[in-house]
Amino acid sequence: MSEPRLQPVATPDPQAVFAIGNLVAVVRRLADDLEETARLLHHGDNLTVAERRLLLQLRQGGPQAIPQLARKREATRQYIQQTLAPLVARGLVAWQDNPRHRRSRLAVLTEEGAGMTRRVMQREGELVRCLAAGTDLKRITATVETLKELDDQLRAANRPPLPPAPAPPAGPSSSSSGS
């Protein structure tokens, strides 16, 4: 893996550098807190955070093959397969033939899996409503816009560089024959 290709355009404001550092620290802590909250919120369901995400992904996207799930999650197919295995064993996800590809089955929510996702979404919806009640909408919107901008910059910096454009084909010789 190579380093991100971010290049400062100008000398940044030291206060902005400090603020971005603080933002990153808060986002990391928030991510940890959200993961712990999800564990506590769904402890009776015996779901890992990764399993919960896959169930919700199947609910939103319908039946999907492992490569599709992996692309959307930006994960390896092996990771998705390992995460699906306990869900299949518990009867939350089943395999279905894929009419488009004989060897790549589709993962599909079972009735029990659909019920589980409804319960998960209901609990999380209640939590989000409680959080929203104590936060100003304008500040939330501004924060989301800022985080999207930073994410876009990081994603662009982490993309492999584009190969150079090919040289245009050489045209006919422009030498002229003297009269």
C-alpha atoms as a PDB file:
ATOM      1  CA  MET A   1       0.000   0.000   0.000  1.00  0.00           C
ATOM      2  CA  SER A   2       1.396   3.375  -0.931  1.00  0.00           C
ATOM      3  CA  GLU A   3       1.116   6.651   0.916  1.00  0.00           C
ATOM      4  CA  PRO A   4      -1.765   9.005   0.106  1.00  0.00           C
ATOM      5  CA  ARG A   5      -0.884  11.555  -2.583  1.00  0.00           C
ATOM      6  CA  LEU A   6      -2.149  14.686  -0.811  1.00  0.00           C
ATOM      7  CA  GLN A   7      -0.205  17.779  -1.698  1.00  0.00           C
ATOM      8  CA  PRO A   8      -0.915  21.041   0.122  1.00  0.00           C
ATOM      9  CA  VAL A   9      -1.819  23.759  -2.369  1.00  0.00           C
ATOM     10  CA  ALA A  10      -0.647  26.541  -0.095  1.00  0.00           C
ATOM     11  CA  THR A  11       0.768  26.896   3.382  1.00  0.00           C
ATOM     12  CA  PRO A  12      -2.111  25.846   5.634  1.00  0.00           C
ATOM     13  CA  ASP A  13      -3.293  27.905   8.563  1.00  0.00           C
ATOM     14  CA  PRO A  14      -1.706  26.300  11.690  1.00  0.00           C
ATOM     15  CA  GLN A  15      -5.044  26.597  13.468  1.00  0.00           C
ATOM     16  CA  ALA A  16      -6.726  24.678  10.628  1.00  0.00           C
ATOM     17  CA  VAL A  17      -4.068  21.951  10.908  1.00  0.00           C
ATOM     18  CA  PHE A  18      -4.714  21.707  14.648  1.00  0.00           C
ATOM     19  CA  ALA A  19      -8.488  21.691  14.069  1.00  0.00           C
ATOM     20  CA  ILE A  20      -8.248  18.884  11.483  1.00  0.00           C
ATOM     21  CA  GLY A  21      -6.093  16.878  13.907  1.00  0.00           C
ATOM     22  CA  ASN A  22      -8.735  17.344  16.601  1.00  0.00           C
ATOM     23  CA  LEU A  23     -11.481  16.389  14.151  1.00  0.00           C
ATOM     24  CA  VAL A  24      -9.680  13.173  13.225  1.00  0.00           C
ATOM     25  CA  ALA A  25      -9.243  12.286  16.903  1.00  0.00           C
ATOM     26  CA  VAL A  26     -12.928  12.941  17.630  1.00  0.00           C
ATOM     27  CA  VAL A  27     -14.066  10.936  14.581  1.00  0.00           C
ATOM     28  CA  ARG A  28     -11.897   7.974  15.642  1.00  0.00           C
ATOM     29  CA  ARG A  29     -13.295   8.124  19.166  1.00  0.00           C
ATOM     30  CA  LEU A  30     -16.834   8.451  17.766  1.00  0.00           C
ATOM     31  CA  ALA A  31     -16.276   5.394  15.536  1.00  0.00           C
ATOM     32  CA  ASP A  32     -15.146   3.391  18.575  1.00  0.00           C
ATOM     33  CA  ASP A  33     -18.105   4.657  20.607  1.00  0.00           C
ATOM     34  CA  LEU A  34     -20.550   3.810  17.817  1.00  0.00           C
ATOM     35  CA  GLU A  35     -19.132   0.297  17.570  1.00  0.00           C
ATOM     36  CA  GLU A  36     -19.440  -0.196  21.338  1.00  0.00           C
ATOM     37  CA  THR A  37     -22.953   1.265  21.321  1.00  0.00           C
ATOM     38  CA  ALA A  38     -23.958  -1.157  18.546  1.00  0.00           C
ATOM     39  CA  ARG A  39     -22.566  -4.074  20.578  1.00  0.00           C
ATOM     40  CA  LEU A  40     -24.534  -2.981  23.644  1.00  0.00           C
ATOM     41  CA  LEU A  41     -27.679  -2.151  21.686  1.00  0.00           C
ATOM     42  CA  HIS A  42     -27.755  -5.520  19.943  1.00  0.00           C
ATOM     43  CA  HIS A  43     -26.108  -7.728  22.582  1.00  0.00           C
ATOM     44  CA  GLY A  44     -29.124 -10.025  22.799  1.00  0.00           C
ATOM     45  CA  ASP A  45     -29.011 -10.713  19.066  1.00  0.00           C
ATOM     46  CA  ASN A  46     -25.483 -12.126  19.213  1.00  0.00           C
ATOM     47  CA  LEU A  47     -24.432 -10.172  16.104  1.00  0.00           C
ATOM     48  CA  THR A  48     -21.023  -8.749  15.390  1.00  0.00           C
ATOM     49  CA  VAL A  49     -20.834  -5.268  13.892  1.00  0.00           C
ATOM     50  CA  ALA A  50     -19.680  -6.807  10.581  1.00  0.00           C
ATOM     51  CA  GLU A  51     -22.583  -9.282  10.547  1.00  0.00           C
ATOM     52  CA  ARG A  52     -25.054  -6.486  11.276  1.00  0.00           C
ATOM     53  CA  ARG A  53     -23.659  -4.447   8.378  1.00  0.00           C
ATOM     54  CA  LEU A  54     -24.007  -7.393   5.979  1.00  0.00           C
ATOM     55  CA  LEU A  55     -27.594  -8.054   7.054  1.00  0.00           C
ATOM     56  CA  LEU A  56     -28.476  -4.412   6.456  1.00  0.00           C
ATOM     57  CA  GLN A  57     -26.636  -4.451   3.120  1.00  0.00           C
ATOM     58  CA  LEU A  58     -28.699  -7.456   2.010  1.00  0.00           C
ATOM     59  CA  ARG A  59     -31.880  -5.761   3.216  1.00  0.00           C
ATOM     60  CA  GLN A  60     -31.104  -2.633   1.218  1.00  0.00           C
ATOM     61  CA  GLY A  61     -29.695  -4.277  -1.905  1.00  0.00           C
ATOM     62  CA  GLY A  62     -31.596  -7.545  -2.083  1.00  0.00           C
ATOM     63  CA  PRO A  63     -29.928 -10.834  -3.030  1.00  0.00           C
ATOM     64  CA  GLN A  64     -26.257 -10.313  -3.862  1.00  0.00           C
ATOM     65  CA  ALA A  65     -23.252 -12.425  -4.763  1.00  0.00           C
ATOM     66  CA  ILE A  66     -20.158 -12.335  -2.588  1.00  0.00           C
ATOM     67  CA  PRO A  67     -18.171 -10.243  -5.117  1.00  0.00           C
ATOM     68  CA  GLN A  68     -20.970  -7.617  -5.141  1.00  0.00           C
ATOM     69  CA  LEU A  69     -21.057  -7.486  -1.349  1.00  0.00           C
ATOM     70  CA  ALA A  70     -17.268  -7.223  -1.226  1.00  0.00           C
ATOM     71  CA  ARG A  71     -17.134  -4.357  -3.737  1.00  0.00           C
ATOM     72  CA  LYS A  72     -19.764  -2.347  -1.887  1.00  0.00           C
ATOM     73  CA  ARG A  73     -18.001  -2.904   1.436  1.00  0.00           C
ATOM     74  CA  GLU A  74     -14.533  -2.421  -0.043  1.00  0.00           C
ATOM     75  CA  ALA A  75     -13.586  -5.751   1.540  1.00  0.00           C
ATOM     76  CA  THR A  76     -12.148  -9.021   0.282  1.00  0.00           C
ATOM     77  CA  ARG A  77     -14.402 -11.818  -0.893  1.00  0.00           C
ATOM     78  CA  GLN A  78     -12.824 -14.089   1.716  1.00  0.00           C
ATOM     79  CA  TYR A  79     -13.764 -11.651   4.493  1.00  0.00           C
ATOM     80  CA  ILE A  80     -17.358 -11.467   3.243  1.00  0.00           C
ATOM     81  CA  GLN A  81     -17.560 -15.257   2.976  1.00  0.00           C
ATOM     82  CA  GLN A  82     -16.231 -15.666   6.539  1.00  0.00           C
ATOM     83  CA  THR A  83     -18.701 -13.078   7.834  1.00  0.00           C
ATOM     84  CA  LEU A  84     -21.645 -14.686   6.007  1.00  0.00           C
ATOM     85  CA  ALA A  85     -20.905 -18.225   7.248  1.00  0.00           C
ATOM     86  CA  PRO A  86     -22.271 -17.735  10.808  1.00  0.00           C
ATOM     87  CA  LEU A  87     -25.310 -15.876   9.435  1.00  0.00           C
ATOM     88  CA  VAL A  88     -26.070 -18.824   7.154  1.00  0.00           C
ATOM     89  CA  ALA A  89     -25.506 -21.272  10.037  1.00  0.00           C
ATOM     90  CA  ARG A  90     -27.981 -19.319  12.197  1.00  0.00           C
ATOM     91  CA  GLY A  91     -30.592 -19.264   9.435  1.00  0.00           C
ATOM     92  CA  LEU A  92     -30.480 -15.477   8.950  1.00  0.00           C
ATOM     93  CA  VAL A  93     -29.087 -15.726   5.409  1.00  0.00           C
ATOM     94  CA  ALA A  94     -29.592 -18.449   2.795  1.00  0.00           C
ATOM     95  CA  TRP A  95     -27.991 -19.228  -0.545  1.00  0.00           C
ATOM     96  CA  GLN A  96     -29.921 -18.948  -3.771  1.00  0.00           C
ATOM     97  CA  ASP A  97     -28.967 -19.902  -7.317  1.00  0.00           C
ATOM     98  CA  ASN A  98     -27.713 -17.001  -9.375  1.00  0.00           C
ATOM     99  CA  PRO A  99     -29.377 -16.939 -12.797  1.00  0.00           C
ATOM    100  CA  ARG A 100     -26.543 -14.747 -14.155  1.00  0.00           C
ATOM    101  CA  HIS A 101     -23.620 -16.854 -12.945  1.00  0.00           C
ATOM    102  CA  ARG A 102     -23.729 -20.569 -12.280  1.00  0.00           C
ATOM    103  CA  ARG A 103     -20.834 -20.675  -9.796  1.00  0.00           C
ATOM    104  CA  SER A 104     -21.556 -17.468  -7.839  1.00  0.00           C
ATOM    105  CA  ARG A 105     -24.561 -18.015  -5.576  1.00  0.00           C
ATOM    106  CA  LEU A 106     -26.609 -15.163  -4.171  1.00  0.00           C
ATOM    107  CA  ALA A 107     -26.841 -14.439  -0.447  1.00  0.00           C
ATOM    108  CA  VAL A 108     -30.435 -13.636   0.507  1.00  0.00           C
ATOM    109  CA  LEU A 109     -32.094 -12.713   3.799  1.00  0.00           C
ATOM    110  CA  THR A 110     -34.377 -15.362   5.244  1.00  0.00           C
ATOM    111  CA  GLU A 111     -37.612 -14.437   7.032  1.00  0.00           C
ATOM    112  CA  GLU A 112     -35.715 -14.685  10.316  1.00  0.00           C
ATOM    113  CA  GLY A 113     -32.932 -12.494   8.918  1.00  0.00           C
ATOM    114  CA  ALA A 114     -35.456  -9.906   7.716  1.00  0.00           C
ATOM    115  CA  GLY A 115     -37.021  -9.869  11.199  1.00  0.00           C
ATOM    116  CA  MET A 116     -33.594  -9.421  12.762  1.00  0.00           C
ATOM    117  CA  THR A 117     -32.812  -6.446  10.505  1.00  0.00           C
ATOM    118  CA  ARG A 118     -36.165  -4.845  11.363  1.00  0.00           C
ATOM    119  CA  ARG A 119     -35.374  -5.130  15.085  1.00  0.00           C
ATOM    120  CA  VAL A 120     -31.850  -3.762  14.541  1.00  0.00           C
ATOM    121  CA  MET A 121     -33.154  -0.812  12.540  1.00  0.00           C
ATOM    122  CA  GLN A 122     -35.878  -0.089  15.085  1.00  0.00           C
ATOM    123  CA  ARG A 123     -33.392   0.029  17.986  1.00  0.00           C
ATOM    124  CA  GLU A 124     -30.942   2.149  16.022  1.00  0.00           C
ATOM    125  CA  GLY A 125     -33.737   4.449  14.855  1.00  0.00           C
ATOM    126  CA  GLU A 126     -34.721   5.086  18.474  1.00  0.00           C
ATOM    127  CA  LEU A 127     -31.112   5.884  19.362  1.00  0.00           C
ATOM    128  CA  VAL A 128     -30.762   8.272  16.402  1.00  0.00           C
ATOM    129  CA  ARG A 129     -33.995  10.049  17.373  1.00  0.00           C
ATOM    130  CA  CYS A 130     -32.644  10.572  20.899  1.00  0.00           C
ATOM    131  CA  LEU A 131     -29.354  11.929  19.554  1.00  0.00           C
ATOM    132  CA  ALA A 132     -31.140  14.214  17.090  1.00  0.00           C
ATOM    133  CA  ALA A 133     -33.298  15.702  19.824  1.00  0.00           C
ATOM    134  CA  GLY A 134     -30.223  17.169  21.516  1.00  0.00           C
ATOM    135  CA  THR A 135     -28.348  18.470  18.476  1.00  0.00           C
ATOM    136  CA  ASP A 136     -28.814  21.538  16.255  1.00  0.00           C
ATOM    137  CA  LEU A 137     -29.746  20.693  12.638  1.00  0.00           C
ATOM    138  CA  LYS A 138     -27.528  23.403  11.105  1.00  0.00           C
ATOM    139  CA  ARG A 139     -24.495  22.137  13.004  1.00  0.00           C
ATOM    140  CA  ILE A 140     -25.212  18.549  12.004  1.00  0.00           C
ATOM    141  CA  THR A 141     -25.550  19.563   8.346  1.00  0.00           C
ATOM    142  CA  ALA A 142     -22.329  21.597   8.406  1.00  0.00           C
ATOM    143  CA  THR A 143     -20.463  18.728  10.078  1.00  0.00           C
ATOM    144  CA  VAL A 144     -21.707  16.222   7.490  1.00  0.00           C
ATOM    145  CA  GLU A 145     -20.619  18.525   4.647  1.00  0.00           C
ATOM    146  CA  THR A 146     -17.167  18.981   6.186  1.00  0.00           C
ATOM    147  CA  LEU A 147     -16.701  15.246   6.729  1.00  0.00           C
ATOM    148  CA  LYS A 148     -17.790  14.509   3.151  1.00  0.00           C
ATOM    149  CA  GLU A 149     -15.258  17.034   1.815  1.00  0.00           C
ATOM    150  CA  LEU A 150     -12.455  15.462   3.848  1.00  0.00           C
ATOM    151  CA  ASP A 151     -13.502  11.971   2.796  1.00  0.00           C
ATOM    152  CA  ASP A 152     -13.569  13.002  -0.867  1.00  0.00           C
ATOM    153  CA  GLN A 153     -10.054  14.449  -0.541  1.00  0.00           C
ATOM    154  CA  LEU A 154      -8.733  11.288   1.131  1.00  0.00           C
ATOM    155  CA  ARG A 155     -10.387   8.979  -1.387  1.00  0.00           C
ATOM    156  CA  ALA A 156      -8.936  10.989  -4.262  1.00  0.00           C
ATOM    157  CA  ALA A 157      -5.492  10.917  -2.646  1.00  0.00           C
ATOM    158  CA  ASN A 158      -5.670   7.148  -2.139  1.00  0.00           C
ATOM    159  CA  ARG A 159      -6.631   6.328  -5.731  1.00  0.00           C
ATOM    160  CA  PRO A 160      -3.790   5.026  -7.848  1.00  0.00           C
ATOM    161  CA  PRO A 161      -2.439   7.670 -10.210  1.00  0.00           C
ATOM    162  CA  LEU A 162      -3.807   7.580 -13.716  1.00  0.00           C
ATOM    163  CA  PRO A 163      -1.373   6.365 -16.354  1.00  0.00           C
ATOM    164  CA  PRO A 164      -0.083   9.078 -18.690  1.00  0.00           C
ATOM    165  CA  ALA A 165      -2.217   9.703 -21.748  1.00  0.00           C
ATOM    166  CA  PRO A 166      -0.844   8.087 -24.872  1.00  0.00           C
ATOM    167  CA  ALA A 167       0.907  10.372 -27.313  1.00  0.00           C
ATOM    168  CA  PRO A 168      -1.197  11.333 -30.322  1.00  0.00           C
ATOM    169  CA  PRO A 169      -0.442   9.272 -33.401  1.00  0.00           C
ATOM    170  CA  ALA A 170       2.085  10.803 -35.751  1.00  0.00           C
ATOM    171  CA  GLY A 171       0.393  12.407 -38.727  1.00  0.00           C
ATOM    172  CA  PRO A 172       1.615  12.510 -42.302  1.00  0.00           C
ATOM    173  CA  SER A 173       4.925  14.140 -42.838  1.00  0.00           C
ATOM    174  CA  SER A 174       4.654  17.875 -43.292  1.00  0.00           C
ATOM    175  CA  SER A 175       7.756  18.214 -45.419  1.00  0.00           C
ATOM    176  CA  SER A 176       7.024  19.904 -48.687  1.00  0.00           C
ATOM    177  CA  SER A 177       8.691  19.277 -51.927  1.00  0.00           C
ATOM    178  CA  GLY A 178      10.132  22.454 -53.374  1.00  0.00           C
ATOM    179  CA  SER A 179       8.746  23.565 -56.687  1.00  0.00           C
END
